[in-house]
């Protein structure tokens, strides 16, 4: 969503077209490797997330690139406001309800992520460990299919950026149980933070940025 909003402005500024080439899979590693091996001429850039270029360094022993040495940072584009959402069929309306339900039904709930090692995956596992509940992790090839799976009722829980799911809230296709931020989100002040129920629990910093191959001139 973010890169598609920004791309027209980049095209306007550069005076040439910008093609967005989605390379899903492996928590962004597939697309990242393409850019790491590309010519540093400014024509091939990487729109990456902290999941791909930060946490993946500690989650995989076989990354096909070095997140530090193989890329040149261009700019920070955005940071994410993350929500804790559930499918309407899940019989809870708060984080407290969810924890109680999960403890009575261990292993019954499922949660989606954008892939193994993604921020959603780490958030889910941290929430399980912190609260002592058990949920089954279901990884998808990116945030879009994970969101679609939640809306379709294929999974129960997800931790998306609020911009991805806010349009779905009025229709009742999902319900937001809490925000994974330190403070309540000004855009939806009526929704509590997860930390109000689970003290101190917030997501890890989540960012979106543009990179080029390592030798890209500054």
Protein backbone atom coordinates (compact mmCIF):
# COMPACT_ATOMS: atom_id res chain seq x y z
CA UNK A 1 0.00 0.00 0.00
CA UNK A 2 2.69 2.48 1.01
CA UNK A 3 4.94 2.05 -2.03
CA UNK A 4 1.93 2.29 -4.36
CA UNK A 5 0.96 5.58 -2.73
CA UNK A 6 4.48 6.95 -3.01
CA UNK A 7 5.35 5.67 -6.51
CA UNK A 8 3.37 8.33 -8.47
CA UNK A 9 5.23 11.09 -6.62
CA UNK A 10 8.57 9.41 -7.32
CA UNK A 11 7.64 9.18 -11.00
CA UNK A 12 6.69 12.85 -11.03
CA UNK A 13 9.96 13.87 -9.39
CA UNK A 14 12.22 11.67 -11.56
CA UNK A 15 10.31 12.22 -14.78
CA UNK A 16 10.16 8.52 -15.64
CA UNK A 17 8.01 5.52 -14.89
CA UNK A 18 8.43 3.30 -11.84
CA UNK A 19 7.44 -0.34 -12.08
CA UNK A 20 6.48 -2.10 -8.83
CA UNK A 21 7.57 -5.73 -9.09
CA UNK A 22 6.07 -7.81 -6.27
CA UNK A 23 8.35 -10.70 -5.34
CA UNK A 24 6.57 -12.46 -2.51
CA UNK A 25 7.96 -15.26 -0.38
CA UNK A 26 10.62 -16.05 2.22
CA UNK A 27 9.70 -12.98 4.28
CA UNK A 28 10.99 -10.67 1.55
CA UNK A 29 14.28 -12.49 0.98
CA UNK A 30 13.46 -13.36 -2.64
CA UNK A 31 12.98 -9.76 -3.73
CA UNK A 32 15.86 -8.56 -1.56
CA UNK A 33 18.33 -10.96 -3.17
CA UNK A 34 17.40 -9.65 -6.61
CA UNK A 35 18.30 -6.10 -5.57
CA UNK A 36 21.45 -7.18 -3.73
CA UNK A 37 22.74 -8.71 -6.99
CA UNK A 38 21.51 -5.90 -9.27
CA UNK A 39 23.71 -3.29 -10.94
CA UNK A 40 24.11 -0.23 -8.65
CA UNK A 41 22.82 2.15 -11.32
CA UNK A 42 19.74 3.43 -9.46
CA UNK A 43 17.26 1.60 -11.70
CA UNK A 44 16.65 -1.34 -9.35
CA UNK A 45 15.58 -0.45 -5.82
CA UNK A 46 14.23 -2.39 -2.88
CA UNK A 47 11.21 -1.46 -0.81
CA UNK A 48 11.90 -3.44 2.35
CA UNK A 49 10.65 -3.89 5.88
CA UNK A 50 12.34 -4.36 9.22
CA UNK A 51 11.21 -8.00 9.11
CA UNK A 52 13.33 -8.60 6.03
CA UNK A 53 16.46 -6.60 6.76
CA UNK A 54 16.59 -6.63 10.57
CA UNK A 55 14.97 -9.62 12.25
CA UNK A 56 15.76 -12.03 9.40
CA UNK A 57 19.45 -11.71 10.26
CA UNK A 58 18.71 -13.50 13.53
CA UNK A 59 16.04 -15.87 12.24
CA UNK A 60 17.83 -17.52 9.31
CA UNK A 61 21.22 -19.16 8.93
CA UNK A 62 20.91 -19.27 5.13
CA UNK A 63 20.07 -15.73 4.04
CA UNK A 64 21.21 -15.23 0.42
CA UNK A 65 22.49 -11.74 1.29
CA UNK A 66 24.02 -9.72 4.11
CA UNK A 67 21.48 -7.11 5.29
CA UNK A 68 24.29 -4.78 6.35
CA UNK A 69 26.90 -5.20 3.59
CA UNK A 70 24.75 -5.81 0.51
CA UNK A 71 22.49 -2.73 0.57
CA UNK A 72 22.76 1.04 0.53
CA UNK A 73 20.03 2.80 2.49
CA UNK A 74 18.13 5.49 0.54
CA UNK A 75 15.49 6.67 3.00
CA UNK A 76 13.03 5.74 5.72
CA UNK A 77 9.52 5.88 4.27
CA UNK A 78 7.13 4.97 7.06
CA UNK A 79 6.60 3.21 10.35
CA UNK A 80 3.65 1.00 11.17
CA UNK A 81 0.77 1.37 13.63
CA UNK A 82 -0.08 -2.25 14.37
CA UNK A 83 -3.43 -3.68 15.41
CA UNK A 84 -4.42 -6.93 17.13
CA UNK A 85 -7.42 -8.15 15.12
CA UNK A 86 -9.69 -11.18 15.16
CA UNK A 87 -12.20 -12.75 12.82
CA UNK A 88 -15.82 -12.04 13.88
CA UNK A 89 -16.39 -15.74 14.53
CA UNK A 90 -13.94 -15.73 17.45
CA UNK A 91 -16.18 -15.39 20.56
CA UNK A 92 -14.20 -12.61 22.25
CA UNK A 93 -14.35 -8.80 22.27
CA UNK A 94 -11.21 -7.85 24.17
CA UNK A 95 -7.65 -8.98 24.80
CA UNK A 96 -8.68 -10.15 28.26
CA UNK A 97 -11.48 -12.25 26.73
CA UNK A 98 -9.06 -13.70 24.18
CA UNK A 99 -6.54 -14.79 26.80
CA UNK A 100 -9.28 -16.44 28.89
CA UNK A 101 -10.73 -18.18 25.82
CA UNK A 102 -7.32 -19.41 24.66
CA UNK A 103 -6.51 -20.84 28.09
CA UNK A 104 -9.81 -22.76 28.07
CA UNK A 105 -9.18 -23.94 24.49
CA UNK A 106 -5.43 -24.54 24.18
CA UNK A 107 -4.23 -24.87 20.58
CA UNK A 108 -7.63 -24.08 19.08
CA UNK A 109 -6.86 -20.53 17.94
CA UNK A 110 -4.73 -19.84 14.88
CA UNK A 111 -2.85 -16.68 13.98
CA UNK A 112 -1.58 -15.55 10.59
CA UNK A 113 1.71 -13.93 9.67
CA UNK A 114 3.40 -12.58 6.55
CA UNK A 115 5.94 -15.40 6.80
CA UNK A 116 8.26 -17.20 9.19
CA UNK A 117 10.45 -14.65 10.93
CA UNK A 118 8.16 -11.74 10.11
CA UNK A 119 7.13 -9.18 12.72
CA UNK A 120 3.68 -10.79 12.92
CA UNK A 121 5.27 -14.18 13.60
CA UNK A 122 7.51 -12.79 16.36
CA UNK A 123 4.63 -10.80 17.84
CA UNK A 124 2.45 -13.92 17.99
CA UNK A 125 5.12 -16.02 19.63
CA UNK A 126 5.95 -13.25 22.13
CA UNK A 127 2.27 -12.89 22.99
CA UNK A 128 1.97 -16.63 23.56
CA UNK A 129 5.01 -16.69 25.81
CA UNK A 130 4.00 -13.60 27.77
CA UNK A 131 0.40 -14.70 28.42
CA UNK A 132 0.96 -18.46 28.69
CA UNK A 133 -1.51 -19.33 25.92
CA UNK A 134 -1.14 -21.64 22.92
CA UNK A 135 -2.01 -20.61 19.35
CA UNK A 136 -1.08 -22.23 16.05
CA UNK A 137 1.06 -20.16 13.68
CA UNK A 138 -0.04 -20.12 10.02
CA UNK A 139 2.52 -18.33 7.78
CA UNK A 140 1.54 -16.81 4.42
CA UNK A 141 3.54 -15.35 1.53
CA UNK A 142 3.09 -11.74 2.52
CA UNK A 143 0.75 -9.42 4.39
CA UNK A 144 -1.95 -9.28 1.70
CA UNK A 145 -2.70 -13.03 1.64
CA UNK A 146 -2.56 -13.12 5.45
CA UNK A 147 -5.17 -10.36 5.63
CA UNK A 148 -7.34 -12.17 3.06
CA UNK A 149 -7.10 -15.38 5.06
CA UNK A 150 -8.31 -13.62 8.19
CA UNK A 151 -11.26 -12.00 6.39
CA UNK A 152 -12.16 -15.39 4.87
CA UNK A 153 -12.14 -17.00 8.32
CA UNK A 154 -9.25 -19.33 7.51
CA UNK A 155 -7.38 -18.02 10.57
CA UNK A 156 -8.56 -16.42 13.81
CA UNK A 157 -5.98 -13.76 14.70
CA UNK A 158 -3.64 -11.39 12.84
CA UNK A 159 -1.38 -8.40 13.62
CA UNK A 160 -1.61 -6.08 10.60
CA UNK A 161 -0.77 -2.45 10.04
CA UNK A 162 -3.92 -0.47 10.76
CA UNK A 163 -3.97 1.06 7.24
CA UNK A 164 -4.46 -2.40 5.74
CA UNK A 165 -7.54 -3.28 7.78
CA UNK A 166 -9.19 0.02 8.70
CA UNK A 167 -11.38 0.02 5.54
CA UNK A 168 -12.72 -3.41 6.60
CA UNK A 169 -13.79 -2.35 10.08
CA UNK A 170 -17.15 -0.68 9.24
CA UNK A 171 -18.35 -3.80 7.41
CA UNK A 172 -17.69 -6.02 10.41
CA UNK A 173 -15.37 -8.33 8.46
CA UNK A 174 -12.96 -8.22 11.39
CA UNK A 175 -12.77 -6.78 14.87
CA UNK A 176 -9.90 -4.87 16.44
CA UNK A 177 -9.20 -6.08 19.98
CA UNK A 178 -6.31 -3.74 20.70
CA UNK A 179 -3.40 -1.70 19.40
CA UNK A 180 0.15 -2.97 19.74
CA UNK A 181 1.57 0.45 20.55
CA UNK A 182 2.84 2.17 23.68
CA UNK A 183 -0.05 4.66 23.61
CA UNK A 184 -3.56 4.64 22.14
CA UNK A 185 -3.68 5.47 18.45
CA UNK A 186 -5.05 8.99 17.91
CA UNK A 187 -6.97 7.85 14.84
CA UNK A 188 -8.96 5.29 16.88
CA UNK A 189 -8.73 6.52 20.48
CA UNK A 190 -11.58 4.30 21.64
CA UNK A 191 -9.51 1.14 21.05
CA UNK A 192 -7.28 0.24 24.02
CA UNK A 193 -3.67 -0.84 23.72
CA UNK A 194 -2.78 -4.46 24.36
CA UNK A 195 -0.44 -3.17 27.09
CA UNK A 196 -3.44 -1.98 29.09
CA UNK A 197 -4.27 -5.66 29.63
CA UNK A 198 -0.79 -7.20 29.27
CA UNK A 199 1.51 -4.61 30.92
CA UNK A 200 4.48 -3.62 28.80
CA UNK A 201 3.49 -5.69 25.76
CA UNK A 202 4.06 -3.82 22.48
CA UNK A 203 5.32 -4.89 19.07
CA UNK A 204 8.92 -4.48 18.01
CA UNK A 205 9.62 -1.33 15.94
CA UNK A 206 8.32 -1.87 12.43
CA UNK A 207 9.60 0.28 9.56
CA UNK A 208 9.45 0.49 5.77
CA UNK A 209 12.39 1.89 3.81
CA UNK A 210 14.00 2.15 0.37
CA UNK A 211 17.36 0.56 -0.38
CA UNK A 212 19.62 0.01 -3.37
CA UNK A 213 22.54 -2.33 -4.08
CA UNK A 214 25.54 -1.75 -1.80
CA UNK A 215 27.62 0.22 -4.34
CA UNK A 216 24.81 2.63 -5.20
CA UNK A 217 26.27 6.17 -5.28
CA UNK A 218 25.01 8.35 -2.47
